[in-house]
Protein backbone atom coordinates (compact mmCIF):
# COMPACT_ATOMS: atom_id res chain seq x y z
CA MET A 1 78.91 34.28 -70.03
CA ALA A 2 75.70 34.59 -68.05
CA GLU A 3 77.61 36.19 -65.16
CA HIS A 4 78.58 38.98 -67.58
CA PHE A 5 74.97 40.19 -67.44
CA ASN A 6 74.51 40.05 -63.68
CA GLU A 7 74.01 43.82 -63.41
CA SER A 8 72.69 44.42 -66.92
CA PRO A 9 69.34 46.18 -67.36
CA MET A 10 68.93 44.19 -70.60
CA PHE A 11 67.50 41.24 -68.66
CA SER A 12 64.53 41.15 -66.33
CA VAL A 13 64.91 39.70 -62.85
CA ASN A 14 63.20 36.50 -63.99
CA GLU A 15 65.54 36.20 -66.98
CA LYS A 16 68.55 36.77 -64.73
CA GLY A 17 67.23 34.01 -62.50
CA ILE A 18 67.33 31.64 -65.48
CA LEU A 19 70.78 32.77 -66.60
CA LEU A 20 72.32 32.63 -63.13
CA GLU A 21 70.42 29.48 -62.12
CA ARG A 22 68.95 31.12 -59.05
CA GLN A 23 65.44 31.09 -57.67
CA VAL A 24 63.42 34.28 -58.02
CA ALA A 25 61.19 35.33 -55.12
CA PHE A 26 58.62 38.07 -54.66
CA GLU A 27 59.56 39.88 -51.46
CA ASN A 28 58.54 43.28 -50.16
CA GLY A 29 56.65 44.09 -53.35
CA ALA A 30 59.47 43.29 -55.79
CA TYR A 31 61.07 40.31 -57.51
CA THR A 32 64.53 39.45 -56.26
CA ILE A 33 67.09 36.79 -57.03
CA THR A 34 67.76 34.51 -54.09
CA GLN A 35 70.82 32.42 -53.31
CA LYS A 36 68.79 29.22 -53.72
CA ALA A 37 69.74 27.23 -56.80
CA LYS A 38 67.14 26.66 -59.48
CA PHE A 39 68.58 24.80 -62.41
CA SER A 40 67.49 25.57 -65.94
CA ARG A 41 68.26 23.65 -69.09
CA MET A 42 71.50 24.75 -70.66
CA THR A 43 69.76 25.13 -74.02
CA ASP A 44 67.21 27.49 -72.44
CA ARG A 45 70.00 29.68 -71.11
CA ILE A 46 71.78 29.67 -74.48
CA GLU A 47 68.57 30.52 -76.36
CA LEU A 48 67.81 33.35 -73.93
CA LEU A 49 71.29 34.83 -74.32
CA LEU A 50 71.12 34.58 -78.10
CA ARG A 51 67.62 36.04 -78.34
CA LYS A 52 68.52 39.06 -76.19
CA THR A 53 71.94 39.78 -77.69
CA SER A 54 71.71 38.72 -81.33
CA SER A 55 69.99 40.34 -84.28
CA ASN A 56 69.48 36.85 -85.73
CA SER A 57 65.78 36.03 -85.32
CA SER A 58 66.25 32.29 -85.94
CA VAL A 59 67.66 31.56 -82.50
CA GLY A 60 67.98 27.85 -81.92
CA GLY A 61 67.40 26.95 -85.56
CA ASP A 62 71.06 26.47 -86.38
CA GLU A 63 72.52 23.04 -87.09
CA TRP A 64 74.89 23.29 -84.13
CA MET A 65 71.93 23.71 -81.75
CA SER A 66 70.26 20.50 -82.92
CA LYS A 67 73.61 18.69 -82.65
CA LEU A 68 74.12 20.15 -79.17
CA LYS A 69 70.69 18.88 -78.09
CA ALA A 70 71.58 15.44 -79.48
CA ALA A 71 74.89 15.55 -77.58
CA ILE A 72 73.06 16.40 -74.36
CA LYS A 73 70.77 13.39 -74.87
CA ILE A 74 73.82 11.19 -75.37
CA ARG A 75 75.44 12.66 -72.27
CA ASN A 76 72.31 11.95 -70.25
CA ALA A 77 72.20 8.37 -71.55
CA LEU A 78 75.79 7.86 -70.42
CA VAL A 79 75.42 9.55 -67.03
CA HIS A 80 71.99 8.09 -66.21
CA PRO A 81 72.08 4.75 -68.03
CA LYS A 82 68.95 2.68 -68.52
CA ASP A 83 70.56 0.56 -71.22
CA ALA A 84 74.10 -0.03 -72.44
CA HIS A 85 75.22 2.79 -74.68
CA GLU A 86 78.28 3.05 -76.90
CA LEU A 87 79.68 6.40 -77.92
CA THR A 88 80.91 6.54 -81.52
CA ASP A 89 83.67 8.73 -82.91
CA ALA A 90 81.10 10.53 -85.06
CA GLN A 91 78.92 11.31 -82.03
CA LEU A 92 81.91 12.64 -80.12
CA THR A 93 83.04 14.76 -83.07
CA ASP A 94 79.53 16.17 -83.56
CA ALA A 95 79.25 16.93 -79.84
CA LEU A 96 82.57 18.76 -79.66
CA ASP A 97 81.89 20.60 -82.92
CA SER A 98 78.45 21.73 -81.74
CA ILE A 99 79.92 22.99 -78.46
CA LEU A 100 82.59 24.98 -80.29
CA LYS A 101 80.07 26.44 -82.75
CA GLY A 102 77.65 27.22 -79.95
CA VAL A 103 80.27 29.08 -77.94
CA GLU A 104 81.30 30.90 -81.13
CA ALA A 105 77.66 31.94 -81.75
CA LEU A 106 77.30 33.16 -78.16
CA TYR A 107 80.60 34.98 -78.33
CA MET A 108 79.55 36.73 -81.55
CA ALA A 109 76.14 37.65 -80.12
CA VAL A 110 77.39 38.86 -76.74
CA PHE A 111 80.76 40.39 -77.52
CA LYS A 112 80.24 41.20 -81.24
CA LYS A 113 83.49 39.54 -82.24
CA GLY A 114 84.64 36.04 -83.07
CA LEU A 115 85.83 33.54 -80.52
CA PRO A 116 89.63 33.43 -80.59
CA TYR A 117 90.91 30.23 -82.19
CA ALA A 118 87.42 29.02 -83.20
CA LYS A 119 88.49 28.72 -86.82
CA LYS A 120 91.02 26.08 -85.77
CA GLY A 121 88.15 23.73 -85.03
CA ILE A 122 88.05 20.92 -82.53
CA SER A 123 91.47 19.65 -83.60
CA GLY A 124 93.09 22.97 -82.67
CA GLY A 125 94.39 23.35 -86.23
CA ILE A 126 96.32 20.10 -86.06
CA ASP A 127 95.70 17.48 -88.75
CA LEU A 128 94.84 14.28 -86.96
């Protein structure tokens, strides 16, 4: 979704740098986006998109955002293990649900319409 705003005047050069995960440099008297990668936290990019495109002033205060942050911590514990970690069904369900609700919130904020099939939930409308 961030690529959608590549040419948008809605975002400053520095904000586009965050969204596109590119380094911003000051060259010839102006800020420009370079081709060098500069990684930002996914939650920062989501919050920036929501703040700039949504009329909802409580960006990041939704339940799905806190569950998404918890899911990211779990992901990091699995990918960069310091201790043994077991993933429960409830953690997986919460993670997938928060991702779906987060994408739905972004879709509503950016495109002003609902995400197709979001109402079907993580099961795709199939009773498991």
